C-alpha atoms as a PDB file:
ATOM      1  CA  MET A   1     -45.247  38.404-119.871  1.00  0.00           C
ATOM      2  CA  ALA A   2     -47.144  35.891-118.069  1.00  0.00           C
ATOM      3  CA  LEU A   3     -47.628  38.339-115.297  1.00  0.00           C
ATOM      4  CA  PHE A   4     -50.134  40.358-117.331  1.00  0.00           C
ATOM      5  CA  ARG A   5     -52.011  37.623-118.742  1.00  0.00           C
ATOM      6  CA  LEU A   6     -55.060  35.941-116.833  1.00  0.00           C
ATOM      7  CA  PRO A   7     -55.081  32.161-116.380  1.00  0.00           C
ATOM      8  CA  SER A   8     -56.053  30.634-119.694  1.00  0.00           C
ATOM      9  CA  ASN A   9     -58.005  27.527-118.138  1.00  0.00           C
ATOM     10  CA  GLY A  10     -60.897  27.167-115.945  1.00  0.00           C
ATOM     11  CA  PRO A  11     -63.741  29.701-115.629  1.00  0.00           C
ATOM     12  CA  ALA A  12     -61.052  32.531-116.622  1.00  0.00           C
ATOM     13  CA  ALA A  13     -60.942  31.131-120.095  1.00  0.00           C
ATOM     14  CA  LEU A  14     -64.629  31.721-120.734  1.00  0.00           C
ATOM     15  CA  ALA A  15     -65.436  33.841-123.635  1.00  0.00           C
ATOM     16  CA  PRO A  16     -69.343  33.690-124.456  1.00  0.00           C
ATOM     17  CA  ARG A  17     -70.120  34.759-128.050  1.00  0.00           C
ATOM     18  CA  GLY A  18     -73.694  35.362-129.405  1.00  0.00           C
ATOM     19  CA  ASN A  19     -76.123  38.323-129.851  1.00  0.00           C
ATOM     20  CA  GLY A  20     -73.428  39.979-132.132  1.00  0.00           C
ATOM     21  CA  LEU A  21     -71.118  40.322-129.263  1.00  0.00           C
ATOM     22  CA  MET A  22     -68.037  38.726-127.558  1.00  0.00           C
ATOM     23  CA  LEU A  23     -67.047  38.782-123.908  1.00  0.00           C
ATOM     24  CA  ARG A  24     -63.497  37.889-122.527  1.00  0.00           C
ATOM     25  CA  ALA A  25     -61.463  38.672-119.792  1.00  0.00           C
ATOM     26  CA  PRO A  26     -59.276  41.822-120.377  1.00  0.00           C
ATOM     27  CA  GLN A  27     -55.745  41.604-121.762  1.00  0.00           C
ATOM     28  CA  MET A  28     -52.777  43.867-121.772  1.00  0.00           C
ATOM     29  CA  ALA A  29     -53.241  44.474-125.525  1.00  0.00           C
ATOM     30  CA  ASP A  30     -56.766  46.113-124.584  1.00  0.00           C
ATOM     31  CA  TYR A  31     -55.280  48.975-122.909  1.00  0.00           C
ATOM     32  CA  ALA A  32     -55.223  51.590-125.541  1.00  0.00           C
ATOM     33  CA  GLN A  33     -58.788  51.082-126.736  1.00  0.00           C
ATOM     34  CA  TRP A  34     -59.687  50.556-123.010  1.00  0.00           C
ATOM     35  CA  ALA A  35     -58.380  53.966-121.858  1.00  0.00           C
ATOM     36  CA  GLN A  36     -59.683  55.764-124.832  1.00  0.00           C
ATOM     37  CA  LEU A  37     -63.101  54.528-124.389  1.00  0.00           C
ATOM     38  CA  ARG A  38     -63.136  55.264-120.821  1.00  0.00           C
ATOM     39  CA  GLU A  39     -61.710  58.750-121.210  1.00  0.00           C
ATOM     40  CA  LEU A  40     -63.952  59.670-123.853  1.00  0.00           C
ATOM     41  CA  SER A  41     -67.032  58.381-121.602  1.00  0.00           C
ATOM     42  CA  ARG A  42     -65.634  59.867-118.508  1.00  0.00           C
ATOM     43  CA  ASP A  43     -68.281  62.438-118.027  1.00  0.00           C
ATOM     44  CA  TYR A  44     -71.189  59.981-118.870  1.00  0.00           C
ATOM     45  CA  LEU A  45     -69.857  57.284-116.367  1.00  0.00           C
ATOM     46  CA  THR A  46     -68.824  59.654-113.336  1.00  0.00           C
ATOM     47  CA  PRO A  47     -72.407  59.869-111.835  1.00  0.00           C
ATOM     48  CA  TRP A  48     -72.626  56.111-111.558  1.00  0.00           C
ATOM     49  CA  GLU A  49     -69.127  54.800-110.718  1.00  0.00           C
ATOM     50  CA  PRO A  50     -66.829  55.281-107.589  1.00  0.00           C
ATOM     51  CA  ILE A  51     -64.193  58.078-107.946  1.00  0.00           C
ATOM     52  CA  TRP A  52     -61.477  57.107-110.357  1.00  0.00           C
ATOM     53  CA  PRO A  53     -58.006  57.061-108.763  1.00  0.00           C
ATOM     54  CA  SER A  54     -55.761  59.638-110.417  1.00  0.00           C
ATOM     55  CA  ASP A  55     -53.634  56.966-112.194  1.00  0.00           C
ATOM     56  CA  ASP A  56     -56.784  55.021-113.539  1.00  0.00           C
ATOM     57  CA  LEU A  57     -56.170  55.508-117.224  1.00  0.00           C
ATOM     58  CA  THR A  58     -52.481  55.031-117.338  1.00  0.00           C
ATOM     59  CA  ARG A  59     -50.820  51.878-118.506  1.00  0.00           C
ATOM     60  CA  SER A  60     -49.430  51.072-115.128  1.00  0.00           C
ATOM     61  CA  GLY A  61     -52.813  51.560-113.409  1.00  0.00           C
ATOM     62  CA  PHE A  62     -54.187  49.043-116.119  1.00  0.00           C
ATOM     63  CA  ARG A  63     -51.319  46.602-115.564  1.00  0.00           C
ATOM     64  CA  ARG A  64     -52.114  46.798-111.625  1.00  0.00           C
ATOM     65  CA  ARG A  65     -55.833  46.295-112.587  1.00  0.00           C
ATOM     66  CA  LEU A  66     -54.925  43.047-114.654  1.00  0.00           C
ATOM     67  CA  ARG A  67     -52.759  41.796-111.692  1.00  0.00           C
ATOM     68  CA  ARG A  68     -55.700  42.166-109.432  1.00  0.00           C
ATOM     69  CA  TYR A  69     -57.912  40.497-111.884  1.00  0.00           C
ATOM     70  CA  ALA A  70     -55.887  37.431-112.161  1.00  0.00           C
ATOM     71  CA  GLU A  71     -55.504  37.108-108.456  1.00  0.00           C
ATOM     72  CA  ASP A  72     -59.313  37.412-108.013  1.00  0.00           C
ATOM     73  CA  ILE A  73     -60.074  34.821-110.986  1.00  0.00           C
ATOM     74  CA  SER A  74     -57.512  32.503-109.394  1.00  0.00           C
ATOM     75  CA  ALA A  75     -59.214  32.886-105.927  1.00  0.00           C
ATOM     76  CA  ASP A  76     -62.598  32.561-107.443  1.00  0.00           C
ATOM     77  CA  ARG A  77     -63.760  35.976-105.909  1.00  0.00           C
ATOM     78  CA  SER A  78     -64.178  37.812-109.385  1.00  0.00           C
ATOM     79  CA  TYR A  79     -64.470  37.520-113.078  1.00  0.00           C
ATOM     80  CA  PRO A  80     -64.140  40.613-115.526  1.00  0.00           C
ATOM     81  CA  PHE A  81     -65.324  40.590-118.942  1.00  0.00           C
ATOM     82  CA  ILE A  82     -64.783  43.224-121.821  1.00  0.00           C
ATOM     83  CA  VAL A  83     -67.803  43.571-124.111  1.00  0.00           C
ATOM     84  CA  PHE A  84     -66.847  43.599-127.797  1.00  0.00           C
ATOM     85  CA  ARG A  85     -68.899  43.929-130.848  1.00  0.00           C
ATOM     86  CA  GLU A  86     -68.177  40.606-132.902  1.00  0.00           C
ATOM     87  CA  GLN A  87     -68.596  42.459-136.370  1.00  0.00           C
ATOM     88  CA  ASP A  88     -65.521  44.894-135.976  1.00  0.00           C
ATOM     89  CA  GLY A  89     -63.924  43.935-132.624  1.00  0.00           C
ATOM     90  CA  ALA A  90     -64.989  47.506-131.205  1.00  0.00           C
ATOM     91  CA  MET A  91     -64.726  47.577-127.504  1.00  0.00           C
ATOM     92  CA  LEU A  92     -68.196  48.645-125.991  1.00  0.00           C
ATOM     93  CA  GLY A  93     -67.859  48.175-122.240  1.00  0.00           C
ATOM     94  CA  GLY A  94     -67.379  45.767-119.418  1.00  0.00           C
ATOM     95  CA  ILE A  95     -69.265  43.577-116.982  1.00  0.00           C
ATOM     96  CA  THR A  96     -67.583  42.131-113.755  1.00  0.00           C
ATOM     97  CA  LEU A  97     -68.914  39.353-111.542  1.00  0.00           C
ATOM     98  CA  ALA A  98     -67.680  40.116-108.273  1.00  0.00           C
ATOM     99  CA  ASN A  99     -68.138  39.145-104.772  1.00  0.00           C
ATOM    100  CA  VAL A 100     -68.318  35.494-105.580  1.00  0.00           C
ATOM    101  CA  ARG A 101     -69.552  33.836-102.493  1.00  0.00           C
ATOM    102  CA  ARG A 102     -69.490  29.699-102.258  1.00  0.00           C
ATOM    103  CA  GLY A 103     -70.340  27.410 -99.723  1.00  0.00           C
ATOM    104  CA  ILE A 104     -74.239  27.522 -99.040  1.00  0.00           C
ATOM    105  CA  VAL A 105     -74.528  30.799-100.862  1.00  0.00           C
ATOM    106  CA  GLN A 106     -73.330  30.214-104.554  1.00  0.00           C
ATOM    107  CA  ALA A 107     -73.805  33.851-105.336  1.00  0.00           C
ATOM    108  CA  GLY A 108     -71.946  36.717-107.013  1.00  0.00           C
ATOM    109  CA  THR A 109     -72.769  40.490-107.814  1.00  0.00           C
ATOM    110  CA  ILE A 110     -72.523  41.819-111.329  1.00  0.00           C
ATOM    111  CA  GLY A 111     -71.780  45.608-112.359  1.00  0.00           C
ATOM    112  CA  TYR A 112     -71.302  46.916-115.796  1.00  0.00           C
ATOM    113  CA  TRP A 113     -70.480  49.978-117.811  1.00  0.00           C
ATOM    114  CA  MET A 114     -71.005  50.946-121.383  1.00  0.00           C
ATOM    115  CA  GLY A 115     -69.108  53.602-123.280  1.00  0.00           C
ATOM    116  CA  GLN A 116     -71.021  56.679-124.055  1.00  0.00           C
ATOM    117  CA  PRO A 117     -70.689  56.136-127.846  1.00  0.00           C
ATOM    118  CA  HIS A 118     -72.525  52.734-127.573  1.00  0.00           C
ATOM    119  CA  ALA A 119     -74.991  53.384-124.682  1.00  0.00           C
ATOM    120  CA  HIS A 120     -78.745  53.456-125.298  1.00  0.00           C
ATOM    121  CA  ARG A 121     -78.557  50.672-128.285  1.00  0.00           C
ATOM    122  CA  GLY A 122     -79.347  47.515-126.294  1.00  0.00           C
ATOM    123  CA  TYR A 123     -75.686  46.350-126.121  1.00  0.00           C
ATOM    124  CA  MET A 124     -75.429  45.796-122.342  1.00  0.00           C
ATOM    125  CA  THR A 125     -78.700  43.989-122.250  1.00  0.00           C
ATOM    126  CA  ALA A 126     -77.643  41.605-124.906  1.00  0.00           C
ATOM    127  CA  ALA A 127     -74.072  41.305-123.159  1.00  0.00           C
ATOM    128  CA  LEU A 128     -75.821  40.484-119.809  1.00  0.00           C
ATOM    129  CA  ARG A 129     -78.053  38.021-121.469  1.00  0.00           C
ATOM    130  CA  LEU A 130     -75.071  36.314-123.192  1.00  0.00           C
ATOM    131  CA  LEU A 131     -73.320  36.150-119.848  1.00  0.00           C
ATOM    132  CA  LEU A 132     -75.980  34.762-117.728  1.00  0.00           C
ATOM    133  CA  PRO A 133     -75.871  31.236-118.846  1.00  0.00           C
ATOM    134  CA  THR A 134     -72.204  31.123-118.148  1.00  0.00           C
ATOM    135  CA  LEU A 135     -72.829  32.465-114.437  1.00  0.00           C
ATOM    136  CA  PHE A 136     -75.492  29.882-113.797  1.00  0.00           C
ATOM    137  CA  GLY A 137     -73.822  26.851-115.802  1.00  0.00           C
ATOM    138  CA  GLU A 138     -70.030  26.920-115.814  1.00  0.00           C
ATOM    139  CA  LEU A 139     -69.557  29.138-112.735  1.00  0.00           C
ATOM    140  CA  ASN A 140     -72.711  27.218-111.014  1.00  0.00           C
ATOM    141  CA  LEU A 141     -73.995  29.996-109.326  1.00  0.00           C
ATOM    142  CA  HIS A 142     -77.524  29.911-107.470  1.00  0.00           C
ATOM    143  CA  ARG A 143     -78.029  33.778-107.567  1.00  0.00           C
ATOM    144  CA  VAL A 144     -76.848  36.665-109.491  1.00  0.00           C
ATOM    145  CA  GLU A 145     -77.168  40.141-107.828  1.00  0.00           C
ATOM    146  CA  ALA A 146     -76.913  43.519-108.848  1.00  0.00           C
ATOM    147  CA  ALA A 147     -77.404  47.151-107.221  1.00  0.00           C
ATOM    148  CA  CYS A 148     -78.354  50.459-109.112  1.00  0.00           C
ATOM    149  CA  ILE A 149     -78.755  54.050-108.230  1.00  0.00           C
ATOM    150  CA  PRO A 150     -82.573  54.563-108.206  1.00  0.00           C
ATOM    151  CA  THR A 151     -82.175  57.475-111.104  1.00  0.00           C
ATOM    152  CA  ASN A 152     -80.176  55.162-113.052  1.00  0.00           C
ATOM    153  CA  THR A 153     -83.076  54.372-115.508  1.00  0.00           C
ATOM    154  CA  PRO A 154     -80.966  52.639-118.415  1.00  0.00           C
ATOM    155  CA  SER A 155     -79.361  50.556-115.811  1.00  0.00           C
ATOM    156  CA  ILE A 156     -82.839  49.436-114.204  1.00  0.00           C
ATOM    157  CA  ARG A 157     -84.197  48.711-117.982  1.00  0.00           C
ATOM    158  CA  VAL A 158     -81.134  46.423-118.356  1.00  0.00           C
ATOM    159  CA  LEU A 159     -81.819  44.342-115.273  1.00  0.00           C
ATOM    160  CA  GLU A 160     -85.450  44.191-115.708  1.00  0.00           C
ATOM    161  CA  LYS A 161     -85.303  43.178-119.345  1.00  0.00           C
ATOM    162  CA  CYS A 162     -83.038  40.337-118.306  1.00  0.00           C
ATOM    163  CA  GLY A 163     -85.307  39.172-115.613  1.00  0.00           C
ATOM    164  CA  PHE A 164     -84.200  40.518-112.553  1.00  0.00           C
ATOM    165  CA  THR A 165     -86.416  41.238-109.576  1.00  0.00           C
ATOM    166  CA  ARG A 166     -86.076  44.340-107.613  1.00  0.00           C
ATOM    167  CA  GLU A 167     -85.987  43.189-104.111  1.00  0.00           C
ATOM    168  CA  GLY A 168     -85.544  46.221-101.956  1.00  0.00           C
ATOM    169  CA  LEU A 169     -83.674  49.569-101.314  1.00  0.00           C
ATOM    170  CA  ALA A 170     -80.281  49.842 -99.404  1.00  0.00           C
ATOM    171  CA  ARG A 171     -79.677  53.176 -97.918  1.00  0.00           C
ATOM    172  CA  ARG A 172     -76.365  54.724 -98.487  1.00  0.00           C
ATOM    173  CA  TYR A 173     -75.194  51.421 -99.909  1.00  0.00           C
ATOM    174  CA  LEU A 174     -72.180  52.492-102.075  1.00  0.00           C
ATOM    175  CA  CYS A 175     -69.840  55.538-102.314  1.00  0.00           C
ATOM    176  CA  ILE A 176     -70.584  56.538-105.837  1.00  0.00           C
ATOM    177  CA  ASN A 177     -68.832  59.846-107.355  1.00  0.00           C
ATOM    178  CA  GLY A 178     -67.815  60.741-103.763  1.00  0.00           C
ATOM    179  CA  VAL A 179     -71.196  60.333-102.355  1.00  0.00           C
ATOM    180  CA  TRP A 180     -72.884  57.510-100.372  1.00  0.00           C
ATOM    181  CA  GLN A 181     -75.909  56.539-102.385  1.00  0.00           C
ATOM    182  CA  ASP A 182     -79.141  54.761-101.932  1.00  0.00           C
ATOM    183  CA  HIS A 183     -79.244  51.476-104.436  1.00  0.00           C
ATOM    184  CA  TYR A 184     -82.172  49.537-105.538  1.00  0.00           C
ATOM    185  CA  LEU A 185     -81.092  45.709-104.952  1.00  0.00           C
ATOM    186  CA  TYR A 186     -81.855  43.304-107.717  1.00  0.00           C
ATOM    187  CA  GLY A 187     -81.541  39.504-107.754  1.00  0.00           C
ATOM    188  CA  LEU A 188     -82.037  36.490-110.285  1.00  0.00           C
ATOM    189  CA  LEU A 189     -82.123  33.323-109.146  1.00  0.00           C
ATOM    190  CA  HIS A 190     -80.988  29.973-111.493  1.00  0.00           C
ATOM    191  CA  GLU A 191     -84.442  28.604-111.241  1.00  0.00           C
ATOM    192  CA  ASP A 192     -86.026  31.755-112.505  1.00  0.00           C
ATOM    193  CA  PHE A 193     -83.576  32.446-115.654  1.00  0.00           C
ATOM    194  CA  ARG A 194     -84.921  31.612-118.933  1.00  0.00           C
ATOM    195  CA  GLY A 195     -81.882  31.412-121.128  1.00  0.00           C
END
């Protein structure tokens, strides 16, 4: 059904490959693997994510997610990617470029998650390094931003290994796991990117 497919041309068709990984937009066929990985990783991810809706891991919840993704891609607001290991097709996690602003800003915010079985192995650093040329190239961004909780040392390492600069602290910036949490703010400019 076309309703559950993301557009197949333009920026939505981006599917970077390299570093032993492949990134692409989510599809309905990903549901079972996605739900299984998210459920398996629930306790690991909970401290770093907003509270999950009660139907988050259901097929209908995933369908709604795909519809929202398709609308956001069409409107140039957001670009979701699932991270797969190229060797065996295993789903590892996800990265989303969200809050895309055009005009005089040309910026967006990245967020990412890694399934617990694949964490602390360098996959997210490799995935973000793989995606950045697409963000600065095909999507023509001037600036990529990220925010992370100060105690999320693995996320801080990912951002800093990828060349992001810590630019400040936003107090009670995002509601994570039901609590308004401080976040470090990071940025990477196109001219500072060494891809």
